[in-house]
Amino acid sequence: MDRSKQLYEQDATGWQRGLYEDIKTTFRAPIVNWYFRSLTANEPAFARYMWGQIKPLFQTREFGRYSVGYRDAVLSAIEGGPTDLPRYRRADTDLRPAEWRELRGQIATFDIVAPRLALTFAVCDRAINDELPDADPDGAPSTVPLPAWLDRDRGRSVTMLEVGDVPDDLSETVADIREFHGFESGLPSIYRCLAQWPGYLEPAWADLEPVLESEAFERGCHDADAVVDDHLERLPYTPRLSPADLAEQGFDDETIDELQHYVRAFNRGATGMVLQTIVTYAATLDAGGERSL
């Protein structure tokens, strides 16, 4: 699979457009992640089938408890460490009021999506590689609906710079970010978004880098992973995404093998830490979501 091949929202038509609208509505955020765009471009039949299998996982109260717990796990570990998170007001940056509102709204969108993507990556990876535990729902929260108010209407549509358009005065910051996350090239979406506001990203990275390199953040990442693992034991049902299930749907062995590598790369690679880092950026702007339910 070519991970650089993507079907963007503006190019989606027919059922693909409907799929993207459903993802945004279900995730309660106006963004469709690269993961879904690339799957839809490379393996559209699988993308449609996969979404049908995992969509209800994001619609229960137990999922709501997981999503706020994921966020809290990262932040609680840092708050208990020797280096606390920096906090910014607009006066601490060179941003105008409209820019400040846009920055906070867009980072809120990423904050909404981060725990949802973490679960997506984990469920797909474990299921397609035949490692997902059988569902064992524990009580009503596993099946009762997600509260309508949670994460609703607090994010803004996301805009991003192309990598080649990142301002030159951010070159050192971008190099440090790539080194920290282990990216030889390219730049994760969150940073291509934040690069629109160098007056925030440059000082924020300088202040956050020692925090993100601390044992406290490492512990927070481990705790967030544990929240994901715990939630996988409480799913309301087991999505039918195992190799045998996919074979029954007509996917050949070569396609299944490619999908196994694709989902594992997202779940086990550098992307996981990027998601946990998003939570810290949102907190610096007081744009994060709930931490308890």
C-alpha atoms as a PDB file:
ATOM      1  CA  MET A   1       0.000   0.000   0.000  1.00  0.00           C
ATOM      2  CA  ASP A   2       1.181   3.474  -0.871  1.00  0.00           C
ATOM      3  CA  ARG A   3       0.671   5.517   2.312  1.00  0.00           C
ATOM      4  CA  SER A   4       1.263   8.747   0.394  1.00  0.00           C
ATOM      5  CA  LYS A   5      -1.758   8.001  -1.810  1.00  0.00           C
ATOM      6  CA  GLN A   6      -4.800   9.645  -0.235  1.00  0.00           C
ATOM      7  CA  LEU A   7      -8.367  10.526  -1.142  1.00  0.00           C
ATOM      8  CA  TYR A   8      -8.883  14.031   0.235  1.00  0.00           C
ATOM      9  CA  GLU A   9     -12.253  15.260   1.420  1.00  0.00           C
ATOM     10  CA  GLN A  10     -12.684  17.746  -1.431  1.00  0.00           C
ATOM     11  CA  ASP A  11     -12.176  14.919  -3.943  1.00  0.00           C
ATOM     12  CA  ALA A  12     -14.478  12.389  -2.277  1.00  0.00           C
ATOM     13  CA  THR A  13     -17.752  11.657  -4.081  1.00  0.00           C
ATOM     14  CA  GLY A  14     -20.539   9.123  -3.766  1.00  0.00           C
ATOM     15  CA  TRP A  15     -20.267   6.686  -0.896  1.00  0.00           C
ATOM     16  CA  GLN A  16     -16.730   7.880  -0.066  1.00  0.00           C
ATOM     17  CA  ARG A  17     -18.082  11.353   0.641  1.00  0.00           C
ATOM     18  CA  GLY A  18     -20.766   9.829   2.805  1.00  0.00           C
ATOM     19  CA  LEU A  19     -18.155   7.747   4.631  1.00  0.00           C
ATOM     20  CA  TYR A  20     -16.107  10.837   5.431  1.00  0.00           C
ATOM     21  CA  GLU A  21     -19.164  12.689   6.705  1.00  0.00           C
ATOM     22  CA  ASP A  22     -20.022   9.712   8.901  1.00  0.00           C
ATOM     23  CA  ILE A  23     -16.484   9.583  10.327  1.00  0.00           C
ATOM     24  CA  LYS A  24     -16.589  13.284  11.172  1.00  0.00           C
ATOM     25  CA  THR A  25     -20.033  13.000  12.738  1.00  0.00           C
ATOM     26  CA  THR A  26     -19.104   9.913  14.759  1.00  0.00           C
ATOM     27  CA  PHE A  27     -15.769  11.360  15.890  1.00  0.00           C
ATOM     28  CA  ARG A  28     -17.487  14.685  16.702  1.00  0.00           C
ATOM     29  CA  ALA A  29     -14.679  16.554  14.961  1.00  0.00           C
ATOM     30  CA  PRO A  30     -14.447  18.229  11.529  1.00  0.00           C
ATOM     31  CA  ILE A  31     -11.442  16.253  10.276  1.00  0.00           C
ATOM     32  CA  VAL A  32     -10.748  12.975   8.456  1.00  0.00           C
ATOM     33  CA  ASN A  33      -7.352  11.592   9.380  1.00  0.00           C
ATOM     34  CA  TRP A  34      -4.643  10.441   6.973  1.00  0.00           C
ATOM     35  CA  TYR A  35      -5.258   6.850   8.161  1.00  0.00           C
ATOM     36  CA  PHE A  36      -8.757   6.835   6.668  1.00  0.00           C
ATOM     37  CA  ARG A  37      -7.844   8.894   3.597  1.00  0.00           C
ATOM     38  CA  SER A  38      -5.048   6.505   2.657  1.00  0.00           C
ATOM     39  CA  LEU A  39      -7.128   3.373   3.262  1.00  0.00           C
ATOM     40  CA  THR A  40      -9.960   4.779   1.155  1.00  0.00           C
ATOM     41  CA  ALA A  41      -7.568   5.598  -1.679  1.00  0.00           C
ATOM     42  CA  ASN A  42      -5.731   2.260  -1.616  1.00  0.00           C
ATOM     43  CA  GLU A  43      -8.348  -0.252  -0.485  1.00  0.00           C
ATOM     44  CA  PRO A  44     -11.778   1.403  -0.710  1.00  0.00           C
ATOM     45  CA  ALA A  45     -13.743  -1.824  -0.210  1.00  0.00           C
ATOM     46  CA  PHE A  46     -11.839  -2.527   2.997  1.00  0.00           C
ATOM     47  CA  ALA A  47     -12.203   1.057   4.263  1.00  0.00           C
ATOM     48  CA  ARG A  48     -15.985   0.833   3.894  1.00  0.00           C
ATOM     49  CA  TYR A  49     -16.161  -2.602   5.533  1.00  0.00           C
ATOM     50  CA  MET A  50     -13.773  -1.675   8.359  1.00  0.00           C
ATOM     51  CA  TRP A  51     -15.713   1.471   9.264  1.00  0.00           C
ATOM     52  CA  GLY A  52     -18.935  -0.529   9.480  1.00  0.00           C
ATOM     53  CA  GLN A  53     -17.218  -2.873  11.926  1.00  0.00           C
ATOM     54  CA  ILE A  54     -15.685  -0.260  14.220  1.00  0.00           C
ATOM     55  CA  LYS A  55     -18.113   2.696  14.111  1.00  0.00           C
ATOM     56  CA  PRO A  56     -20.327   1.574  17.042  1.00  0.00           C
ATOM     57  CA  LEU A  57     -17.247   1.327  19.282  1.00  0.00           C
ATOM     58  CA  PHE A  58     -17.201   5.137  19.505  1.00  0.00           C
ATOM     59  CA  GLN A  59     -20.841   5.496  20.536  1.00  0.00           C
ATOM     60  CA  THR A  60     -20.977   4.118  24.086  1.00  0.00           C
ATOM     61  CA  ARG A  61     -20.582   5.672  27.506  1.00  0.00           C
ATOM     62  CA  GLU A  62     -17.704   3.259  28.173  1.00  0.00           C
ATOM     63  CA  PHE A  63     -15.942   4.768  25.183  1.00  0.00           C
ATOM     64  CA  GLY A  64     -16.540   8.219  26.687  1.00  0.00           C
ATOM     65  CA  ARG A  65     -14.894   7.106  29.936  1.00  0.00           C
ATOM     66  CA  TYR A  66     -11.982   5.706  27.961  1.00  0.00           C
ATOM     67  CA  SER A  67     -11.491   8.909  25.933  1.00  0.00           C
ATOM     68  CA  VAL A  68     -11.315  11.203  28.956  1.00  0.00           C
ATOM     69  CA  GLY A  69      -9.176   8.654  30.808  1.00  0.00           C
ATOM     70  CA  TYR A  70      -6.684   8.577  27.935  1.00  0.00           C
ATOM     71  CA  ARG A  71      -6.295  12.349  28.133  1.00  0.00           C
ATOM     72  CA  ASP A  72      -6.045  12.332  31.922  1.00  0.00           C
ATOM     73  CA  ALA A  73      -3.416   9.585  31.939  1.00  0.00           C
ATOM     74  CA  VAL A  74      -0.995  11.709  29.921  1.00  0.00           C
ATOM     75  CA  LEU A  75      -1.568  14.925  31.848  1.00  0.00           C
ATOM     76  CA  SER A  76      -1.675  13.427  35.345  1.00  0.00           C
ATOM     77  CA  ALA A  77       1.753  11.862  34.901  1.00  0.00           C
ATOM     78  CA  ILE A  78       3.260  15.177  33.805  1.00  0.00           C
ATOM     79  CA  GLU A  79       1.562  17.167  36.553  1.00  0.00           C
ATOM     80  CA  GLY A  80       3.104  14.828  39.077  1.00  0.00           C
ATOM     81  CA  GLY A  81       6.580  15.236  37.615  1.00  0.00           C
ATOM     82  CA  PRO A  82       9.333  17.786  38.247  1.00  0.00           C
ATOM     83  CA  THR A  83       8.592  19.776  35.062  1.00  0.00           C
ATOM     84  CA  ASP A  84       5.034  20.990  34.630  1.00  0.00           C
ATOM     85  CA  LEU A  85       3.402  22.026  31.378  1.00  0.00           C
ATOM     86  CA  PRO A  86       3.754  25.639  30.238  1.00  0.00           C
ATOM     87  CA  ARG A  87       0.526  27.605  29.969  1.00  0.00           C
ATOM     88  CA  TYR A  88      -0.054  30.408  27.471  1.00  0.00           C
ATOM     89  CA  ARG A  89      -2.364  33.363  27.148  1.00  0.00           C
ATOM     90  CA  ARG A  90      -2.715  35.387  23.986  1.00  0.00           C
ATOM     91  CA  ALA A  91      -0.558  38.127  25.526  1.00  0.00           C
ATOM     92  CA  ASP A  92       2.318  35.627  25.668  1.00  0.00           C
ATOM     93  CA  THR A  93       2.341  35.363  21.853  1.00  0.00           C
ATOM     94  CA  ASP A  94       2.276  37.773  18.924  1.00  0.00           C
ATOM     95  CA  LEU A  95      -1.099  36.445  17.748  1.00  0.00           C
ATOM     96  CA  ARG A  96      -4.079  38.654  17.033  1.00  0.00           C
ATOM     97  CA  PRO A  97      -7.409  37.759  18.739  1.00  0.00           C
ATOM     98  CA  ALA A  98      -8.818  36.035  15.631  1.00  0.00           C
ATOM     99  CA  GLU A  99      -5.614  34.001  15.205  1.00  0.00           C
ATOM    100  CA  TRP A 100      -5.678  33.022  18.870  1.00  0.00           C
ATOM    101  CA  ARG A 101      -9.269  31.774  18.593  1.00  0.00           C
ATOM    102  CA  GLU A 102      -8.422  29.804  15.453  1.00  0.00           C
ATOM    103  CA  LEU A 103      -5.340  28.217  17.027  1.00  0.00           C
ATOM    104  CA  ARG A 104      -7.264  27.109  20.125  1.00  0.00           C
ATOM    105  CA  GLY A 105     -10.181  25.832  18.054  1.00  0.00           C
ATOM    106  CA  GLN A 106      -7.999  23.784  15.736  1.00  0.00           C
ATOM    107  CA  ILE A 107      -5.907  22.247  18.521  1.00  0.00           C
ATOM    108  CA  ALA A 108      -9.185  21.349  20.260  1.00  0.00           C
ATOM    109  CA  THR A 109     -10.121  19.342  17.160  1.00  0.00           C
ATOM    110  CA  PHE A 110      -6.882  17.370  17.375  1.00  0.00           C
ATOM    111  CA  ASP A 111      -7.483  16.852  21.101  1.00  0.00           C
ATOM    112  CA  ILE A 112     -10.918  15.373  20.348  1.00  0.00           C
ATOM    113  CA  VAL A 113      -9.565  13.036  17.697  1.00  0.00           C
ATOM    114  CA  ALA A 114      -6.412  11.799  19.484  1.00  0.00           C
ATOM    115  CA  PRO A 115      -8.023   9.178  21.782  1.00  0.00           C
ATOM    116  CA  ARG A 116     -10.356   8.112  18.966  1.00  0.00           C
ATOM    117  CA  LEU A 117      -7.430   7.475  16.636  1.00  0.00           C
ATOM    118  CA  ALA A 118      -5.537   5.664  19.395  1.00  0.00           C
ATOM    119  CA  LEU A 119      -8.466   3.268  19.739  1.00  0.00           C
ATOM    120  CA  THR A 120      -8.860   2.940  15.953  1.00  0.00           C
ATOM    121  CA  PHE A 121      -5.199   2.016  15.513  1.00  0.00           C
ATOM    122  CA  ALA A 122      -5.232  -0.435  18.417  1.00  0.00           C
ATOM    123  CA  VAL A 123      -8.481  -2.190  17.443  1.00  0.00           C
ATOM    124  CA  CYS A 124      -7.526  -2.549  13.782  1.00  0.00           C
ATOM    125  CA  ASP A 125      -3.987  -3.700  14.547  1.00  0.00           C
ATOM    126  CA  ARG A 126      -5.045  -6.286  17.124  1.00  0.00           C
ATOM    127  CA  ALA A 127      -8.017  -7.510  15.097  1.00  0.00           C
ATOM    128  CA  ILE A 128      -6.345  -7.814  11.695  1.00  0.00           C
ATOM    129  CA  ASN A 129      -3.319  -9.486  13.264  1.00  0.00           C
ATOM    130  CA  ASP A 130      -5.653 -11.864  15.156  1.00  0.00           C
ATOM    131  CA  GLU A 131      -4.673 -10.548  18.597  1.00  0.00           C
ATOM    132  CA  LEU A 132      -7.872  -8.827  19.743  1.00  0.00           C
ATOM    133  CA  PRO A 133      -9.362 -10.301  22.936  1.00  0.00           C
ATOM    134  CA  ASP A 134     -12.950 -11.496  22.834  1.00  0.00           C
ATOM    135  CA  ALA A 135     -15.363  -8.801  23.930  1.00  0.00           C
ATOM    136  CA  ASP A 136     -16.451  -9.054  27.558  1.00  0.00           C
ATOM    137  CA  PRO A 137     -18.638  -6.002  28.260  1.00  0.00           C
ATOM    138  CA  ASP A 138     -18.932  -5.159  31.941  1.00  0.00           C
ATOM    139  CA  GLY A 139     -22.169  -3.450  32.862  1.00  0.00           C
ATOM    140  CA  ALA A 140     -24.424  -0.889  31.197  1.00  0.00           C
ATOM    141  CA  PRO A 141     -21.687   1.656  30.237  1.00  0.00           C
ATOM    142  CA  SER A 142     -20.417  -0.803  27.630  1.00  0.00           C
ATOM    143  CA  THR A 143     -23.640  -0.462  25.661  1.00  0.00           C
ATOM    144  CA  VAL A 144     -25.466   2.672  26.867  1.00  0.00           C
ATOM    145  CA  PRO A 145     -25.105   5.628  24.429  1.00  0.00           C
ATOM    146  CA  LEU A 146     -22.263   8.131  24.590  1.00  0.00           C
ATOM    147  CA  PRO A 147     -23.386  11.365  26.304  1.00  0.00           C
ATOM    148  CA  ALA A 148     -24.504  13.808  23.618  1.00  0.00           C
ATOM    149  CA  TRP A 149     -22.563  16.715  25.127  1.00  0.00           C
ATOM    150  CA  LEU A 150     -19.117  15.098  25.294  1.00  0.00           C
ATOM    151  CA  ASP A 151     -16.656  16.776  22.870  1.00  0.00           C
ATOM    152  CA  ARG A 152     -19.572  18.215  20.915  1.00  0.00           C
ATOM    153  CA  ASP A 153     -18.994  21.434  18.940  1.00  0.00           C
ATOM    154  CA  ARG A 154     -15.756  22.509  20.612  1.00  0.00           C
ATOM    155  CA  GLY A 155     -13.354  22.136  17.663  1.00  0.00           C
ATOM    156  CA  ARG A 156     -12.859  24.065  14.425  1.00  0.00           C
ATOM    157  CA  SER A 157     -12.092  22.874  10.881  1.00  0.00           C
ATOM    158  CA  VAL A 158      -8.375  22.190  10.539  1.00  0.00           C
ATOM    159  CA  THR A 159      -6.028  23.893   8.090  1.00  0.00           C
ATOM    160  CA  MET A 160      -2.412  22.867   7.537  1.00  0.00           C
ATOM    161  CA  LEU A 161       0.698  23.995   5.706  1.00  0.00           C
ATOM    162  CA  GLU A 162       2.425  21.792   3.188  1.00  0.00           C
ATOM    163  CA  VAL A 163       5.854  20.717   4.469  1.00  0.00           C
ATOM    164  CA  GLY A 164       7.563  22.912   1.875  1.00  0.00           C
ATOM    165  CA  ASP A 165       5.586  25.946   3.048  1.00  0.00           C
ATOM    166  CA  VAL A 166       6.736  25.833   6.672  1.00  0.00           C
ATOM    167  CA  PRO A 167       8.405  29.207   7.447  1.00  0.00           C
ATOM    168  CA  ASP A 168      12.194  29.228   7.301  1.00  0.00           C
ATOM    169  CA  ASP A 169      12.434  30.659  10.801  1.00  0.00           C
ATOM    170  CA  LEU A 170      10.900  27.405  12.089  1.00  0.00           C
ATOM    171  CA  SER A 171      13.553  25.217  10.436  1.00  0.00           C
ATOM    172  CA  GLU A 172      15.457  24.488  13.670  1.00  0.00           C
ATOM    173  CA  THR A 173      12.241  23.806  15.549  1.00  0.00           C
ATOM    174  CA  VAL A 174      11.016  21.459  12.811  1.00  0.00           C
ATOM    175  CA  ALA A 175      14.365  19.630  12.792  1.00  0.00           C
ATOM    176  CA  ASP A 176      14.126  19.121  16.567  1.00  0.00           C
ATOM    177  CA  ILE A 177      10.524  17.900  16.265  1.00  0.00           C
ATOM    178  CA  ARG A 178      11.463  15.388  13.581  1.00  0.00           C
ATOM    179  CA  GLU A 179      14.366  14.105  15.637  1.00  0.00           C
ATOM    180  CA  PHE A 180      12.225  13.746  18.751  1.00  0.00           C
ATOM    181  CA  HIS A 181       9.475  11.801  16.958  1.00  0.00           C
ATOM    182  CA  GLY A 182      11.812   9.820  14.708  1.00  0.00           C
ATOM    183  CA  PHE A 183      10.615  11.192  11.368  1.00  0.00           C
ATOM    184  CA  GLU A 184      13.356  11.385   8.733  1.00  0.00           C
ATOM    185  CA  SER A 185      11.107  13.411   6.433  1.00  0.00           C
ATOM    186  CA  GLY A 186       7.603  14.772   6.395  1.00  0.00           C
ATOM    187  CA  LEU A 187       5.854  16.299   9.378  1.00  0.00           C
ATOM    188  CA  PRO A 188       2.819  15.038  11.333  1.00  0.00           C
ATOM    189  CA  SER A 189      -0.454  16.864  10.738  1.00  0.00           C
ATOM    190  CA  ILE A 190      -0.514  18.447  14.191  1.00  0.00           C
ATOM    191  CA  TYR A 191       2.770  20.238  13.498  1.00  0.00           C
ATOM    192  CA  ARG A 192       1.794  21.299   9.979  1.00  0.00           C
ATOM    193  CA  CYS A 193      -1.242  22.844  11.637  1.00  0.00           C
ATOM    194  CA  LEU A 194       0.659  24.561  14.462  1.00  0.00           C
ATOM    195  CA  ALA A 195       3.294  25.853  12.007  1.00  0.00           C
ATOM    196  CA  GLN A 196       0.668  28.326  10.800  1.00  0.00           C
ATOM    197  CA  TRP A 197       1.345  30.206  14.054  1.00  0.00           C
ATOM    198  CA  PRO A 198       5.146  30.371  14.564  1.00  0.00           C
ATOM    199  CA  GLY A 199       4.568  32.832  17.412  1.00  0.00           C
ATOM    200  CA  TYR A 200       3.081  29.940  19.369  1.00  0.00           C
ATOM    201  CA  LEU A 201       4.870  26.848  18.031  1.00  0.00           C
ATOM    202  CA  GLU A 202       8.424  28.110  18.464  1.00  0.00           C
ATOM    203  CA  PRO A 203       8.185  29.053  22.163  1.00  0.00           C
ATOM    204  CA  ALA A 204       5.832  26.147  22.894  1.00  0.00           C
ATOM    205  CA  TRP A 205       8.290  23.600  21.516  1.00  0.00           C
ATOM    206  CA  ALA A 206      11.187  25.207  23.399  1.00  0.00           C
ATOM    207  CA  ASP A 207       9.186  24.975  26.634  1.00  0.00           C
ATOM    208  CA  LEU A 208       7.675  21.548  25.940  1.00  0.00           C
ATOM    209  CA  GLU A 209      10.760  19.712  24.705  1.00  0.00           C
ATOM    210  CA  PRO A 210      12.201  19.079  28.206  1.00  0.00           C
ATOM    211  CA  VAL A 211       8.753  17.972  29.363  1.00  0.00           C
ATOM    212  CA  LEU A 212       8.336  15.547  26.462  1.00  0.00           C
ATOM    213  CA  GLU A 213      11.813  14.135  27.055  1.00  0.00           C
ATOM    214  CA  SER A 214      11.097  13.566  30.754  1.00  0.00           C
ATOM    215  CA  GLU A 215      10.414  10.305  32.541  1.00  0.00           C
ATOM    216  CA  ALA A 216       7.057  11.772  33.553  1.00  0.00           C
ATOM    217  CA  PHE A 217       5.879  12.033  29.928  1.00  0.00           C
ATOM    218  CA  GLU A 218       7.214   8.553  29.200  1.00  0.00           C
ATOM    219  CA  ARG A 219       5.177   7.302  32.135  1.00  0.00           C
ATOM    220  CA  GLY A 220       2.149   9.216  30.828  1.00  0.00           C
ATOM    221  CA  CYS A 221       2.476   7.533  27.435  1.00  0.00           C
ATOM    222  CA  HIS A 222       2.698   4.134  29.143  1.00  0.00           C
ATOM    223  CA  ASP A 223      -0.358   4.929  31.272  1.00  0.00           C
ATOM    224  CA  ALA A 224      -2.330   6.070  28.209  1.00  0.00           C
ATOM    225  CA  ASP A 225      -1.427   2.828  26.421  1.00  0.00           C
ATOM    226  CA  ALA A 226      -2.680   0.943  29.479  1.00  0.00           C
ATOM    227  CA  VAL A 227      -5.989   2.843  29.258  1.00  0.00           C
ATOM    228  CA  VAL A 228      -6.316   1.651  25.646  1.00  0.00           C
ATOM    229  CA  ASP A 229      -5.493  -1.936  26.592  1.00  0.00           C
ATOM    230  CA  ASP A 230      -8.011  -1.881  29.431  1.00  0.00           C
ATOM    231  CA  HIS A 231     -10.724  -0.529  27.143  1.00  0.00           C
ATOM    232  CA  LEU A 232     -10.103  -3.293  24.610  1.00  0.00           C
ATOM    233  CA  GLU A 233     -11.279  -5.720  27.294  1.00  0.00           C
ATOM    234  CA  ARG A 234     -14.577  -3.819  27.611  1.00  0.00           C
ATOM    235  CA  LEU A 235     -15.672  -3.474  23.984  1.00  0.00           C
ATOM    236  CA  PRO A 236     -19.391  -4.094  23.420  1.00  0.00           C
ATOM    237  CA  TYR A 237     -18.596  -6.657  20.700  1.00  0.00           C
ATOM    238  CA  THR A 238     -15.655  -8.048  18.724  1.00  0.00           C
ATOM    239  CA  PRO A 239     -15.259  -6.410  15.292  1.00  0.00           C
ATOM    240  CA  ARG A 240     -15.004  -8.980  12.508  1.00  0.00           C
ATOM    241  CA  LEU A 241     -11.634  -7.947  11.143  1.00  0.00           C
ATOM    242  CA  SER A 242      -9.512 -11.050  11.668  1.00  0.00           C
ATOM    243  CA  PRO A 243      -7.704 -12.586   8.670  1.00  0.00           C
ATOM    244  CA  ALA A 244     -10.358 -15.314   8.525  1.00  0.00           C
ATOM    245  CA  ASP A 245     -13.146 -12.713   8.602  1.00  0.00           C
ATOM    246  CA  LEU A 246     -11.518 -10.698   5.812  1.00  0.00           C
ATOM    247  CA  ALA A 247     -11.013 -13.826   3.724  1.00  0.00           C
ATOM    248  CA  GLU A 248     -14.736 -14.558   4.060  1.00  0.00           C
ATOM    249  CA  GLN A 249     -15.389 -11.035   2.702  1.00  0.00           C
ATOM    250  CA  GLY A 250     -13.345 -11.845  -0.397  1.00  0.00           C
ATOM    251  CA  PHE A 251     -10.025 -10.148   0.442  1.00  0.00           C
ATOM    252  CA  ASP A 252      -7.055 -12.144  -0.869  1.00  0.00           C
ATOM    253  CA  ASP A 253      -3.991 -13.140   1.148  1.00  0.00           C
ATOM    254  CA  GLU A 254      -1.755 -10.461  -0.382  1.00  0.00           C
ATOM    255  CA  THR A 255      -4.214  -7.687   0.478  1.00  0.00           C
ATOM    256  CA  ILE A 256      -4.664  -8.998   4.028  1.00  0.00           C
ATOM    257  CA  ASP A 257      -0.874  -9.107   4.486  1.00  0.00           C
ATOM    258  CA  GLU A 258      -0.547  -5.501   3.275  1.00  0.00           C
ATOM    259  CA  LEU A 259      -3.333  -4.391   5.606  1.00  0.00           C
ATOM    260  CA  GLN A 260      -1.651  -6.115   8.549  1.00  0.00           C
ATOM    261  CA  HIS A 261       1.543  -4.163   7.942  1.00  0.00           C
ATOM    262  CA  TYR A 262      -0.345  -0.912   7.333  1.00  0.00           C
ATOM    263  CA  VAL A 263      -2.325  -0.935  10.576  1.00  0.00           C
ATOM    264  CA  ARG A 264       0.650  -2.130  12.630  1.00  0.00           C
ATOM    265  CA  ALA A 265       2.795   0.718  11.327  1.00  0.00           C
ATOM    266  CA  PHE A 266       0.261   3.228  12.650  1.00  0.00           C
ATOM    267  CA  ASN A 267      -0.287   1.483  15.975  1.00  0.00           C
ATOM    268  CA  ARG A 268       3.286   0.524  16.817  1.00  0.00           C
ATOM    269  CA  GLY A 269       5.203   3.336  15.130  1.00  0.00           C
ATOM    270  CA  ALA A 270       5.912   6.943  16.055  1.00  0.00           C
ATOM    271  CA  THR A 271       2.274   7.956  15.511  1.00  0.00           C
ATOM    272  CA  GLY A 272       1.256   6.816  18.994  1.00  0.00           C
ATOM    273  CA  MET A 273       3.539   9.298  20.726  1.00  0.00           C
ATOM    274  CA  VAL A 274       2.345  12.051  18.377  1.00  0.00           C
ATOM    275  CA  LEU A 275      -1.223  11.456  19.605  1.00  0.00           C
ATOM    276  CA  GLN A 276      -0.139  11.689  23.230  1.00  0.00           C
ATOM    277  CA  THR A 277       1.817  14.857  22.478  1.00  0.00           C
ATOM    278  CA  ILE A 278      -1.358  16.447  21.063  1.00  0.00           C
ATOM    279  CA  VAL A 279      -2.910  16.249  24.518  1.00  0.00           C
ATOM    280  CA  THR A 280      -0.069  18.332  25.956  1.00  0.00           C
ATOM    281  CA  TYR A 281      -0.353  21.045  23.299  1.00  0.00           C
ATOM    282  CA  ALA A 282      -4.084  21.380  23.939  1.00  0.00           C
ATOM    283  CA  ALA A 283      -3.448  21.709  27.660  1.00  0.00           C
ATOM    284  CA  THR A 284      -0.951  24.540  27.152  1.00  0.00           C
ATOM    285  CA  LEU A 285      -3.740  26.551  25.503  1.00  0.00           C
ATOM    286  CA  ASP A 286      -6.505  25.504  27.897  1.00  0.00           C
ATOM    287  CA  ALA A 287      -8.172  23.933  24.867  1.00  0.00           C
ATOM    288  CA  GLY A 288      -8.284  20.354  26.118  1.00  0.00           C
ATOM    289  CA  GLY A 289     -11.411  18.377  26.815  1.00  0.00           C
ATOM    290  CA  GLU A 290     -12.826  16.729  29.916  1.00  0.00           C
ATOM    291  CA  ARG A 291     -10.601  14.536  32.057  1.00  0.00           C
ATOM    292  CA  SER A 292     -13.317  12.653  33.934  1.00  0.00           C
ATOM    293  CA  LEU A 293     -16.829  11.439  33.147  1.00  0.00           C
END
